[in-house]
Amino acid sequence: MNVRSIFRPWVVRVEGDDCLADTAERMQNEQVGSVVVAIGGRFVGILTERDLTRAIAHGADPRVVTAADYMTAAPAAVHLDADIHEVASTMFEFECRHLPVLSEDDSQVIGMVSIRDLLGTAIRLAGSPG
């Protein structure tokens, strides 16, 4: 089984100069745990719930500090044909819960795959108990 069969084919994007407060509000409204960060339309990183928590713990002013200030730059990413075992290994290796899914030519983020997507797949493959 590969990423193509489990990923979410939509992405919430923010600009690098968007403040953390606006970014967190957007994440809440869109009900996502991560956003893609772009500068000038180019993918430069990912900002996650963990990054927001780190910013607050550091005393960052969420109305002043930007997404680019706390994003994970050049994060690990996967392609549509990546095996889900490879995805799980990458998440484990990099201690992350969200991976951008890149187009074949790596020019754009076309979706996201999360630990929740992997867990849901594992549950479906295992079947229902009883």
Foldseek 3Di string as FASTA:
>chain_A
DWQLVQWDQDFAEDEQAAFQVVVVVVCVVVVHQKHFYDHPNFTFFMAGPVLSVVCVVVVHDRRGHGSNNRTDTPQAAEEGGHHVVVVVVSCVVVVHFKHFYAYPVRRDGRTMDGVVSVVVVVDVVVDDDD
